[in-house]
PDB file of N, CA and C in Angstrom:
ATOM      1  N   MET A   1       5.224  14.416   5.324  1.00  0.00           N
ATOM      2  CA  MET A   1       5.674  13.651   4.189  1.00  0.00           C
ATOM      3  C   MET A   1       4.475  12.934   3.579  1.00  0.00           C
ATOM      4  N   LYS A   2       4.363  12.980   2.253  1.00  0.00           N
ATOM      5  CA  LYS A   2       3.304  12.295   1.528  1.00  0.00           C
ATOM      6  C   LYS A   2       3.813  10.953   1.036  1.00  0.00           C
ATOM      7  N   MET A   3       2.964   9.927   1.180  1.00  0.00           N
ATOM      8  CA  MET A   3       3.347   8.586   0.770  1.00  0.00           C
ATOM      9  C   MET A   3       2.426   8.095  -0.338  1.00  0.00           C
ATOM     10  N   TYR A   4       3.019   7.418  -1.331  1.00  0.00           N
ATOM     11  CA  TYR A   4       2.277   6.723  -2.375  1.00  0.00           C
ATOM     12  C   TYR A   4       2.739   5.277  -2.350  1.00  0.00           C
ATOM     13  N   LEU A   5       1.788   4.343  -2.452  1.00  0.00           N
ATOM     14  CA  LEU A   5       2.124   2.926  -2.427  1.00  0.00           C
ATOM     15  C   LEU A   5       1.361   2.192  -3.521  1.00  0.00           C
ATOM     16  N   ASP A   6       2.072   1.304  -4.212  1.00  0.00           N
ATOM     17  CA  ASP A   6       1.480   0.462  -5.258  1.00  0.00           C
ATOM     18  C   ASP A   6       1.972  -0.960  -5.040  1.00  0.00           C
ATOM     19  N   THR A   7       1.051  -1.849  -4.669  1.00  0.00           N
ATOM     20  CA  THR A   7       1.389  -3.263  -4.446  1.00  0.00           C
ATOM     21  C   THR A   7       0.639  -4.148  -5.446  1.00  0.00           C
ATOM     22  N   SER A   8       0.291  -3.587  -6.598  1.00  0.00           N
ATOM     23  CA  SER A   8      -0.524  -4.304  -7.575  1.00  0.00           C
ATOM     24  C   SER A   8       0.255  -5.344  -8.380  1.00  0.00           C
ATOM     25  N   THR A   9       1.584  -5.302  -8.320  1.00  0.00           N
ATOM     26  CA  THR A   9       2.424  -6.274  -9.015  1.00  0.00           C
ATOM     27  C   THR A   9       3.469  -6.804  -8.035  1.00  0.00           C
ATOM     28  N   SER A  10       4.334  -7.689  -8.497  1.00  0.00           N
ATOM     29  CA  SER A  10       5.383  -8.225  -7.618  1.00  0.00           C
ATOM     30  C   SER A  10       6.461  -7.185  -7.332  1.00  0.00           C
ATOM     31  N   THR A  11       6.448  -6.076  -8.067  1.00  0.00           N
ATOM     32  CA  THR A  11       7.347  -4.957  -7.788  1.00  0.00           C
ATOM     33  C   THR A  11       6.568  -3.896  -7.026  1.00  0.00           C
ATOM     34  N   THR A  12       6.857  -3.752  -5.753  1.00  0.00           N
ATOM     35  CA  THR A  12       6.191  -2.751  -4.931  1.00  0.00           C
ATOM     36  C   THR A  12       6.822  -1.397  -5.210  1.00  0.00           C
ATOM     37  N   ILE A  13       5.976  -0.404  -5.420  1.00  0.00           N
ATOM     38  CA  ILE A  13       6.444   0.969  -5.650  1.00  0.00           C
ATOM     39  C   ILE A  13       6.054   1.805  -4.439  1.00  0.00           C
ATOM     40  N   LEU A  14       7.042   2.493  -3.887  1.00  0.00           N
ATOM     41  CA  LEU A  14       6.839   3.371  -2.744  1.00  0.00           C
ATOM     42  C   LEU A  14       7.421   4.732  -3.094  1.00  0.00           C
ATOM     43  N   GLU A  15       6.648   5.774  -2.866  1.00  0.00           N
ATOM     44  CA  GLU A  15       7.147   7.135  -3.029  1.00  0.00           C
ATOM     45  C   GLU A  15       6.924   7.874  -1.724  1.00  0.00           C
ATOM     46  N   LEU A  16       7.957   8.523  -1.271  1.00  0.00           N
ATOM     47  CA  LEU A  16       7.905   9.369  -0.088  1.00  0.00           C
ATOM     48  C   LEU A  16       8.337  10.757  -0.531  1.00  0.00           C
ATOM     49  N   ASP A  17       7.386  11.680  -0.651  1.00  0.00           N
ATOM     50  CA  ASP A  17       7.603  12.988  -1.266  1.00  0.00           C
ATOM     51  C   ASP A  17       8.232  12.768  -2.641  1.00  0.00           C
ATOM     52  N   ASP A  18       9.434  13.242  -2.875  1.00  0.00           N
ATOM     53  CA  ASP A  18      10.070  13.127  -4.194  1.00  0.00           C
ATOM     54  C   ASP A  18      10.978  11.905  -4.325  1.00  0.00           C
ATOM     55  N   HIS A  19      11.007  11.050  -3.323  1.00  0.00           N
ATOM     56  CA  HIS A  19      11.866   9.873  -3.348  1.00  0.00           C
ATOM     57  C   HIS A  19      11.079   8.670  -3.861  1.00  0.00           C
ATOM     58  N   HIS A  20      11.614   8.014  -4.884  1.00  0.00           N
ATOM     59  CA  HIS A  20      10.951   6.882  -5.530  1.00  0.00           C
ATOM     60  C   HIS A  20      11.742   5.610  -5.240  1.00  0.00           C
ATOM     61  N   TYR A  21      11.042   4.561  -4.793  1.00  0.00           N
ATOM     62  CA  TYR A  21      11.669   3.281  -4.475  1.00  0.00           C
ATOM     63  C   TYR A  21      10.902   2.151  -5.153  1.00  0.00           C
ATOM     64  N   GLU A  22      11.624   1.156  -5.605  1.00  0.00           N
ATOM     65  CA  GLU A  22      11.020  -0.053  -6.153  1.00  0.00           C
ATOM     66  C   GLU A  22      11.643  -1.249  -5.455  1.00  0.00           C
ATOM     67  N   TRP A  23      10.801  -2.197  -5.091  1.00  0.00           N
ATOM     68  CA  TRP A  23      11.222  -3.370  -4.333  1.00  0.00           C
ATOM     69  C   TRP A  23      10.589  -4.602  -4.957  1.00  0.00           C
ATOM     70  N   GLU A  24      11.410  -5.558  -5.325  1.00  0.00           N
ATOM     71  CA  GLU A  24      10.914  -6.841  -5.835  1.00  0.00           C
ATOM     72  C   GLU A  24      10.454  -7.648  -4.632  1.00  0.00           C
ATOM     73  N   SER A  25       9.242  -7.378  -4.197  1.00  0.00           N
ATOM     74  CA  SER A  25       8.729  -7.944  -2.952  1.00  0.00           C
ATOM     75  C   SER A  25       8.318  -9.405  -3.077  1.00  0.00           C
ATOM     76  N   GLY A  26       7.836  -9.800  -4.241  1.00  0.00           N
ATOM     77  CA  GLY A  26       7.460 -11.197  -4.448  1.00  0.00           C
ATOM     78  C   GLY A  26       6.601 -11.740  -3.325  1.00  0.00           C
ATOM     79  N   ARG A  27       6.999 -12.869  -2.771  1.00  0.00           N
ATOM     80  CA  ARG A  27       6.226 -13.529  -1.718  1.00  0.00           C
ATOM     81  C   ARG A  27       6.539 -12.996  -0.319  1.00  0.00           C
ATOM     82  N   GLU A  28       7.394 -12.010  -0.213  1.00  0.00           N
ATOM     83  CA  GLU A  28       7.741 -11.449   1.095  1.00  0.00           C
ATOM     84  C   GLU A  28       6.916 -10.213   1.442  1.00  0.00           C
ATOM     85  N   LEU A  29       5.967  -9.849   0.594  1.00  0.00           N
ATOM     86  CA  LEU A  29       5.199  -8.620   0.792  1.00  0.00           C
ATOM     87  C   LEU A  29       4.512  -8.588   2.149  1.00  0.00           C
ATOM     88  N   ALA A  30       3.753  -9.606   2.485  1.00  0.00           N
ATOM     89  CA  ALA A  30       3.008  -9.611   3.750  1.00  0.00           C
ATOM     90  C   ALA A  30       3.946  -9.543   4.949  1.00  0.00           C
ATOM     91  N   ARG A  31       5.035 -10.250   4.870  1.00  0.00           N
ATOM     92  CA  ARG A  31       5.974 -10.301   5.993  1.00  0.00           C
ATOM     93  C   ARG A  31       6.764  -9.010   6.152  1.00  0.00           C
ATOM     94  N   ASP A  32       7.169  -8.388   5.036  1.00  0.00           N
ATOM     95  CA  ASP A  32       8.156  -7.312   5.108  1.00  0.00           C
ATOM     96  C   ASP A  32       7.679  -5.914   4.720  1.00  0.00           C
ATOM     97  N   LEU A  33       6.417  -5.741   4.324  1.00  0.00           N
ATOM     98  CA  LEU A  33       5.990  -4.427   3.831  1.00  0.00           C
ATOM     99  C   LEU A  33       6.120  -3.316   4.870  1.00  0.00           C
ATOM    100  N   LEU A  34       5.635  -3.534   6.065  1.00  0.00           N
ATOM    101  CA  LEU A  34       5.736  -2.488   7.092  1.00  0.00           C
ATOM    102  C   LEU A  34       7.187  -2.143   7.404  1.00  0.00           C
ATOM    103  N   LYS A  35       8.035  -3.140   7.499  1.00  0.00           N
ATOM    104  CA  LYS A  35       9.457  -2.885   7.760  1.00  0.00           C
ATOM    105  C   LYS A  35      10.084  -2.117   6.609  1.00  0.00           C
ATOM    106  N   TYR A  36       9.735  -2.468   5.375  1.00  0.00           N
ATOM    107  CA  TYR A  36      10.267  -1.774   4.197  1.00  0.00           C
ATOM    108  C   TYR A  36       9.882  -0.285   4.229  1.00  0.00           C
ATOM    109  N   ILE A  37       8.603  -0.015   4.486  1.00  0.00           N
ATOM    110  CA  ILE A  37       8.162   1.380   4.550  1.00  0.00           C
ATOM    111  C   ILE A  37       8.887   2.111   5.673  1.00  0.00           C
ATOM    112  N   HIS A  38       8.959   1.483   6.838  1.00  0.00           N
ATOM    113  CA  HIS A  38       9.611   2.127   7.983  1.00  0.00           C
ATOM    114  C   HIS A  38      11.092   2.396   7.705  1.00  0.00           C
ATOM    115  N   ASP A  39      11.774   1.435   7.095  1.00  0.00           N
ATOM    116  CA  ASP A  39      13.188   1.628   6.755  1.00  0.00           C
ATOM    117  C   ASP A  39      13.373   2.820   5.818  1.00  0.00           C
ATOM    118  N   LYS A  40      12.494   2.956   4.827  1.00  0.00           N
ATOM    119  CA  LYS A  40      12.603   4.071   3.874  1.00  0.00           C
ATOM    120  C   LYS A  40      12.268   5.399   4.542  1.00  0.00           C
ATOM    121  N   LEU A  41      11.315   5.391   5.460  1.00  0.00           N
ATOM    122  CA  LEU A  41      11.027   6.607   6.218  1.00  0.00           C
ATOM    123  C   LEU A  41      12.263   7.027   7.007  1.00  0.00           C
ATOM    124  N   GLN A  42      12.891   6.072   7.680  1.00  0.00           N
ATOM    125  CA  GLN A  42      14.074   6.382   8.479  1.00  0.00           C
ATOM    126  C   GLN A  42      15.237   6.862   7.618  1.00  0.00           C
ATOM    127  N   GLU A  43      15.391   6.314   6.400  1.00  0.00           N
ATOM    128  CA  GLU A  43      16.429   6.798   5.484  1.00  0.00           C
ATOM    129  C   GLU A  43      16.248   8.276   5.173  1.00  0.00           C
ATOM    130  N   ASN A  44      15.017   8.741   5.257  1.00  0.00           N
ATOM    131  CA  ASN A  44      14.706  10.144   4.991  1.00  0.00           C
ATOM    132  C   ASN A  44      14.592  10.965   6.274  1.00  0.00           C
ATOM    133  N   GLY A  45      15.046  10.402   7.384  1.00  0.00           N
ATOM    134  CA  GLY A  45      15.021  11.115   8.657  1.00  0.00           C
ATOM    135  C   GLY A  45      13.624  11.288   9.226  1.00  0.00           C
ATOM    136  N   CYS A  46      12.723  10.366   8.881  1.00  0.00           N
ATOM    137  CA  CYS A  46      11.326  10.478   9.310  1.00  0.00           C
ATOM    138  C   CYS A  46      10.888   9.219  10.035  1.00  0.00           C
ATOM    139  N   ASP A  47       9.684   9.297  10.594  1.00  0.00           N
ATOM    140  CA  ASP A  47       9.058   8.151  11.238  1.00  0.00           C
ATOM    141  C   ASP A  47       7.577   8.159  10.876  1.00  0.00           C
ATOM    142  N   TRP A  48       6.822   7.206  11.395  1.00  0.00           N
ATOM    143  CA  TRP A  48       5.414   7.073  11.038  1.00  0.00           C
ATOM    144  C   TRP A  48       4.637   8.371  11.204  1.00  0.00           C
ATOM    145  N   HIS A  49       4.874   9.084  12.295  1.00  0.00           N
ATOM    146  CA  HIS A  49       4.094  10.285  12.591  1.00  0.00           C
ATOM    147  C   HIS A  49       4.444  11.468  11.688  1.00  0.00           C
ATOM    148  N   ASP A  50       5.444  11.310  10.835  1.00  0.00           N
ATOM    149  CA  ASP A  50       5.768  12.351   9.857  1.00  0.00           C
ATOM    150  C   ASP A  50       4.929  12.218   8.585  1.00  0.00           C
ATOM    151  N   LEU A  51       4.183  11.122   8.448  1.00  0.00           N
ATOM    152  CA  LEU A  51       3.324  10.950   7.284  1.00  0.00           C
ATOM    153  C   LEU A  51       2.133  11.904   7.381  1.00  0.00           C
ATOM    154  N   GLU A  52       1.874  12.635   6.289  1.00  0.00           N
ATOM    155  CA  GLU A  52       0.773  13.605   6.237  1.00  0.00           C
ATOM    156  C   GLU A  52      -0.426  13.063   5.479  1.00  0.00           C
ATOM    157  N   SER A  53      -0.174  12.191   4.504  1.00  0.00           N
ATOM    158  CA  SER A  53      -1.247  11.603   3.705  1.00  0.00           C
ATOM    159  C   SER A  53      -0.716  10.364   3.003  1.00  0.00           C
ATOM    160  N   ILE A  54      -1.656   9.515   2.561  1.00  0.00           N
ATOM    161  CA  ILE A  54      -1.300   8.296   1.848  1.00  0.00           C
ATOM    162  C   ILE A  54      -2.168   8.201   0.600  1.00  0.00           C
ATOM    163  N   LYS A  55      -1.527   7.888  -0.521  1.00  0.00           N
ATOM    164  CA  LYS A  55      -2.229   7.613  -1.767  1.00  0.00           C
ATOM    165  C   LYS A  55      -1.891   6.180  -2.152  1.00  0.00           C
ATOM    166  N   PHE A  56      -2.905   5.424  -2.615  1.00  0.00           N
ATOM    167  CA  PHE A  56      -2.716   4.009  -2.892  1.00  0.00           C
ATOM    168  C   PHE A  56      -3.302   3.644  -4.237  1.00  0.00           C
ATOM    169  N   ASN A  57      -2.548   2.871  -5.012  1.00  0.00           N
ATOM    170  CA  ASN A  57      -3.060   2.332  -6.265  1.00  0.00           C
ATOM    171  C   ASN A  57      -3.850   1.078  -5.926  1.00  0.00           C
ATOM    172  N   ALA A  58      -5.185   1.184  -5.982  1.00  0.00           N
ATOM    173  CA  ALA A  58      -6.059   0.094  -5.572  1.00  0.00           C
ATOM    174  C   ALA A  58      -6.286  -0.941  -6.668  1.00  0.00           C
ATOM    175  N   GLY A  59      -5.669  -0.784  -7.833  1.00  0.00           N
ATOM    176  CA  GLY A  59      -5.794  -1.798  -8.866  1.00  0.00           C
ATOM    177  C   GLY A  59      -6.136  -1.231 -10.217  1.00  0.00           C
ATOM    178  N   PRO A  60      -6.329  -2.119 -11.154  1.00  0.00           N
ATOM    179  CA  PRO A  60      -6.353  -3.573 -11.031  1.00  0.00           C
ATOM    180  C   PRO A  60      -4.957  -4.149 -10.830  1.00  0.00           C
ATOM    181  N   GLY A  61      -4.940  -5.415 -10.443  1.00  0.00           N
ATOM    182  CA  GLY A  61      -3.657  -6.064 -10.233  1.00  0.00           C
ATOM    183  C   GLY A  61      -3.796  -7.323  -9.411  1.00  0.00           C
ATOM    184  N   SER A  62      -2.687  -7.695  -8.790  1.00  0.00           N
ATOM    185  CA  SER A  62      -2.584  -8.917  -8.006  1.00  0.00           C
ATOM    186  C   SER A  62      -3.589  -8.929  -6.849  1.00  0.00           C
ATOM    187  N   PHE A  63      -4.395  -9.979  -6.800  1.00  0.00           N
ATOM    188  CA  PHE A  63      -5.396 -10.114  -5.741  1.00  0.00           C
ATOM    189  C   PHE A  63      -4.751 -10.020  -4.362  1.00  0.00           C
ATOM    190  N   THR A  64      -3.737 -10.835  -4.125  1.00  0.00           N
ATOM    191  CA  THR A  64      -3.092 -10.866  -2.815  1.00  0.00           C
ATOM    192  C   THR A  64      -2.328  -9.572  -2.536  1.00  0.00           C
ATOM    193  N   GLY A  65      -1.580  -9.085  -3.524  1.00  0.00           N
ATOM    194  CA  GLY A  65      -0.824  -7.846  -3.339  1.00  0.00           C
ATOM    195  C   GLY A  65      -1.712  -6.664  -2.998  1.00  0.00           C
ATOM    196  N   LEU A  66      -2.844  -6.549  -3.676  1.00  0.00           N
ATOM    197  CA  LEU A  66      -3.773  -5.448  -3.403  1.00  0.00           C
ATOM    198  C   LEU A  66      -4.398  -5.579  -2.024  1.00  0.00           C
ATOM    199  N   ARG A  67      -4.744  -6.797  -1.623  1.00  0.00           N
ATOM    200  CA  ARG A  67      -5.328  -6.988  -0.285  1.00  0.00           C
ATOM    201  C   ARG A  67      -4.323  -6.626   0.799  1.00  0.00           C
ATOM    202  N   ILE A  68      -3.083  -7.049   0.639  1.00  0.00           N
ATOM    203  CA  ILE A  68      -2.053  -6.747   1.640  1.00  0.00           C
ATOM    204  C   ILE A  68      -1.812  -5.242   1.706  1.00  0.00           C
ATOM    205  N   GLY A  69      -1.605  -4.622   0.551  1.00  0.00           N
ATOM    206  CA  GLY A  69      -1.351  -3.181   0.515  1.00  0.00           C
ATOM    207  C   GLY A  69      -2.502  -2.374   1.084  1.00  0.00           C
ATOM    208  N   ALA A  70      -3.741  -2.736   0.712  1.00  0.00           N
ATOM    209  CA  ALA A  70      -4.907  -2.008   1.209  1.00  0.00           C
ATOM    210  C   ALA A  70      -5.037  -2.144   2.725  1.00  0.00           C
ATOM    211  N   THR A  71      -4.772  -3.327   3.240  1.00  0.00           N
ATOM    212  CA  THR A  71      -4.839  -3.533   4.687  1.00  0.00           C
ATOM    213  C   THR A  71      -3.832  -2.644   5.414  1.00  0.00           C
ATOM    214  N   VAL A  72      -2.611  -2.590   4.903  1.00  0.00           N
ATOM    215  CA  VAL A  72      -1.563  -1.790   5.536  1.00  0.00           C
ATOM    216  C   VAL A  72      -1.900  -0.307   5.491  1.00  0.00           C
ATOM    217  N   ILE A  73      -2.276   0.211   4.320  1.00  0.00           N
ATOM    218  CA  ILE A  73      -2.509   1.667   4.239  1.00  0.00           C
ATOM    219  C   ILE A  73      -3.797   2.071   4.955  1.00  0.00           C
ATOM    220  N   ASN A  74      -4.818   1.226   4.921  1.00  0.00           N
ATOM    221  CA  ASN A  74      -6.029   1.557   5.682  1.00  0.00           C
ATOM    222  C   ASN A  74      -5.727   1.643   7.170  1.00  0.00           C
ATOM    223  N   THR A  75      -4.926   0.706   7.662  1.00  0.00           N
ATOM    224  CA  THR A  75      -4.559   0.696   9.077  1.00  0.00           C
ATOM    225  C   THR A  75      -3.710   1.905   9.429  1.00  0.00           C
ATOM    226  N   LEU A  76      -2.707   2.206   8.605  1.00  0.00           N
ATOM    227  CA  LEU A  76      -1.856   3.372   8.873  1.00  0.00           C
ATOM    228  C   LEU A  76      -2.667   4.668   8.876  1.00  0.00           C
ATOM    229  N   ALA A  77      -3.505   4.850   7.854  1.00  0.00           N
ATOM    230  CA  ALA A  77      -4.286   6.086   7.759  1.00  0.00           C
ATOM    231  C   ALA A  77      -5.193   6.248   8.975  1.00  0.00           C
ATOM    232  N   ARG A  78      -5.802   5.164   9.388  1.00  0.00           N
ATOM    233  CA  ARG A  78      -6.703   5.249  10.542  1.00  0.00           C
ATOM    234  C   ARG A  78      -5.931   5.500  11.837  1.00  0.00           C
ATOM    235  N   ASP A  79      -4.872   4.723  12.067  1.00  0.00           N
ATOM    236  CA  ASP A  79      -4.115   4.863  13.311  1.00  0.00           C
ATOM    237  C   ASP A  79      -3.400   6.204  13.417  1.00  0.00           C
ATOM    238  N   LEU A  80      -2.922   6.727  12.283  1.00  0.00           N
ATOM    239  CA  LEU A  80      -2.208   8.008  12.287  1.00  0.00           C
ATOM    240  C   LEU A  80      -3.145   9.196  12.080  1.00  0.00           C
ATOM    241  N   ASN A  81      -4.423   8.907  11.804  1.00  0.00           N
ATOM    242  CA  ASN A  81      -5.428   9.933  11.576  1.00  0.00           C
ATOM    243  C   ASN A  81      -5.007  10.901  10.460  1.00  0.00           C
ATOM    244  N   ILE A  82      -4.644  10.310   9.303  1.00  0.00           N
ATOM    245  CA  ILE A  82      -4.225  11.114   8.153  1.00  0.00           C
ATOM    246  C   ILE A  82      -5.113  10.791   6.955  1.00  0.00           C
ATOM    247  N   PRO A  83      -5.213  11.724   5.997  1.00  0.00           N
ATOM    248  CA  PRO A  83      -6.058  11.492   4.820  1.00  0.00           C
ATOM    249  C   PRO A  83      -5.544  10.361   3.946  1.00  0.00           C
ATOM    250  N   LEU A  84      -6.491   9.684   3.308  1.00  0.00           N
ATOM    251  CA  LEU A  84      -6.220   8.553   2.428  1.00  0.00           C
ATOM    252  C   LEU A  84      -6.834   8.863   1.072  1.00  0.00           C
ATOM    253  N   TYR A  85      -6.052   8.630  -0.005  1.00  0.00           N
ATOM    254  CA  TYR A  85      -6.498   8.935  -1.358  1.00  0.00           C
ATOM    255  C   TYR A  85      -6.369   7.703  -2.244  1.00  0.00           C
ATOM    256  N   ASN A  86      -7.336   7.560  -3.173  1.00  0.00           N
ATOM    257  CA  ASN A  86      -7.233   6.482  -4.150  1.00  0.00           C
ATOM    258  C   ASN A  86      -6.363   6.945  -5.315  1.00  0.00           C
ATOM    259  N   GLN A  87      -6.166   6.072  -6.309  1.00  0.00           N
ATOM    260  CA  GLN A  87      -5.265   6.387  -7.414  1.00  0.00           C
ATOM    261  C   GLN A  87      -5.775   7.534  -8.291  1.00  0.00           C
ATOM    262  N   ARG A  88      -7.048   7.894  -8.162  1.00  0.00           N
ATOM    263  CA  ARG A  88      -7.599   9.021  -8.914  1.00  0.00           C
ATOM    264  C   ARG A  88      -7.464  10.331  -8.147  1.00  0.00           C
ATOM    265  N   GLY A  89      -6.865  10.266  -6.959  1.00  0.00           N
ATOM    266  CA  GLY A  89      -6.661  11.460  -6.156  1.00  0.00           C
ATOM    267  C   GLY A  89      -7.862  11.859  -5.326  1.00  0.00           C
ATOM    268  N   GLU A  90      -8.861  10.977  -5.249  1.00  0.00           N
ATOM    269  CA  GLU A  90     -10.059  11.262  -4.471  1.00  0.00           C
ATOM    270  C   GLU A  90      -9.832  10.834  -3.024  1.00  0.00           C
ATOM    271  N   GLN A  91     -10.156  11.720  -2.086  1.00  0.00           N
ATOM    272  CA  GLN A  91     -10.020  11.350  -0.686  1.00  0.00           C
ATOM    273  C   GLN A  91     -11.125  10.370  -0.321  1.00  0.00           C
ATOM    274  N   VAL A  92     -10.746   9.288   0.332  1.00  0.00           N
ATOM    275  CA  VAL A  92     -11.681   8.236   0.714  1.00  0.00           C
ATOM    276  C   VAL A  92     -11.481   7.874   2.176  1.00  0.00           C
ATOM    277  N   GLU A  93     -12.509   7.287   2.763  1.00  0.00           N
ATOM    278  CA  GLU A  93     -12.403   6.858   4.155  1.00  0.00           C
ATOM    279  C   GLU A  93     -11.637   5.552   4.265  1.00  0.00           C
ATOM    280  N   ILE A  94     -11.835   4.687   3.254  1.00  0.00           N
ATOM    281  CA  ILE A  94     -11.188   3.380   3.241  1.00  0.00           C
ATOM    282  C   ILE A  94     -10.928   2.983   1.784  1.00  0.00           C
ATOM    283  N   ILE A  95      -9.837   2.280   1.558  1.00  0.00           N
ATOM    284  CA  ILE A  95      -9.510   1.781   0.220  1.00  0.00           C
ATOM    285  C   ILE A  95     -10.044   0.362   0.073  1.00  0.00           C
ATOM    286  N   LEU A  96     -10.773   0.135  -0.996  1.00  0.00           N
ATOM    287  CA  LEU A  96     -11.189  -1.219  -1.359  1.00  0.00           C
ATOM    288  C   LEU A  96     -10.457  -1.590  -2.637  1.00  0.00           C
ATOM    289  N   PRO A  97      -9.798  -2.752  -2.688  1.00  0.00           N
ATOM    290  CA  PRO A  97      -9.088  -3.142  -3.902  1.00  0.00           C
ATOM    291  C   PRO A  97     -10.018  -3.231  -5.108  1.00  0.00           C
ATOM    292  N   GLU A  98      -9.498  -2.848  -6.256  1.00  0.00           N
ATOM    293  CA  GLU A  98     -10.220  -2.936  -7.527  1.00  0.00           C
ATOM    294  C   GLU A  98      -9.465  -3.945  -8.384  1.00  0.00           C
ATOM    295  N   TYR A  99      -9.919  -5.177  -8.388  1.00  0.00           N
ATOM    296  CA  TYR A  99      -9.181  -6.259  -9.017  1.00  0.00           C
ATOM    297  C   TYR A  99      -9.237  -6.248 -10.537  1.00  0.00           C
ATOM    298  N   GLY A 100     -10.226  -5.584 -11.125  1.00  0.00           N
ATOM    299  CA  GLY A 100     -10.333  -5.537 -12.575  1.00  0.00           C
ATOM    300  C   GLY A 100     -11.072  -6.733 -13.150  1.00  0.00           C
ATOM    301  N   ARG A 101     -11.407  -7.685 -12.301  1.00  0.00           N
ATOM    302  CA  ARG A 101     -12.153  -8.873 -12.697  1.00  0.00           C
ATOM    303  C   ARG A 101     -12.597  -9.567 -11.412  1.00  0.00           C
ATOM    304  N   PRO A 102     -13.522 -10.502 -11.514  1.00  0.00           N
ATOM    305  CA  PRO A 102     -13.916 -11.223 -10.298  1.00  0.00           C
ATOM    306  C   PRO A 102     -12.714 -11.964  -9.696  1.00  0.00           C
ATOM    307  N   ALA A 103     -12.662 -11.999  -8.390  1.00  0.00           N
ATOM    308  CA  ALA A 103     -11.585 -12.712  -7.699  1.00  0.00           C
ATOM    309  C   ALA A 103     -11.652 -14.198  -8.016  1.00  0.00           C
ATOM    310  N   ASN A 104     -10.512 -14.815  -8.284  1.00  0.00           N
ATOM    311  CA  ASN A 104     -10.425 -16.240  -8.561  1.00  0.00           C
ATOM    312  C   ASN A 104     -10.080 -16.958  -7.253  1.00  0.00           C
ATOM    313  N   ILE A 105     -11.116 -17.303  -6.505  1.00  0.00           N
ATOM    314  CA  ILE A 105     -10.926 -17.929  -5.208  1.00  0.00           C
ATOM    315  C   ILE A 105     -11.227 -19.411  -5.327  1.00  0.00           C
ATOM    316  N   THR A 106     -10.288 -20.234  -4.925  1.00  0.00           N
ATOM    317  CA  THR A 106     -10.457 -21.682  -4.993  1.00  0.00           C
ATOM    318  C   THR A 106     -11.439 -22.129  -3.922  1.00  0.00           C
ATOM    319  N   PRO A 107     -12.469 -22.878  -4.312  1.00  0.00           N
ATOM    320  CA  PRO A 107     -13.427 -23.353  -3.310  1.00  0.00           C
ATOM    321  C   PRO A 107     -12.770 -24.382  -2.374  1.00  0.00           C
ATOM    322  N   PRO A 108     -13.276 -24.459  -1.137  1.00  0.00           N
ATOM    323  CA  PRO A 108     -12.743 -25.455  -0.202  1.00  0.00           C
ATOM    324  C   PRO A 108     -12.939 -26.862  -0.746  1.00  0.00           C
ATOM    325  N   LYS A 109     -12.027 -27.764  -0.408  1.00  0.00           N
ATOM    326  CA  LYS A 109     -12.101 -29.152  -0.885  1.00  0.00           C
ATOM    327  C   LYS A 109     -13.096 -29.984  -0.087  1.00  0.00           C
ATOM    328  N   LYS A 110     -13.472 -29.543   1.082  1.00  0.00           N
ATOM    329  CA  LYS A 110     -14.408 -30.311   1.924  1.00  0.00           C
ATOM    330  C   LYS A 110     -15.787 -29.750   1.833  1.00  0.00           C
TER     331      LYS A 110
END
């Protein structure tokens, strides 16, 4: 099964082969993303080891959403030993988020 994931907005997009899912993940993305993917795999009679490849939209988009999504798919691809592709369809070893602008990180107060 081929997986596509887009966490660049508050609406997470997941595709498993020809099945398209949208989830208003909002602030629950970090907590619930793995469970959401696993639940959708199980709805299709599959499990983690049925994944053949992962494609990820690395941005531009939400700083936090892209970091969370990239962490999850990089970990899955490595642990499952499956190919990983960026949004241009290029096979890559690791996904790095493409924010589209410099990250707006608040400096420490101390």
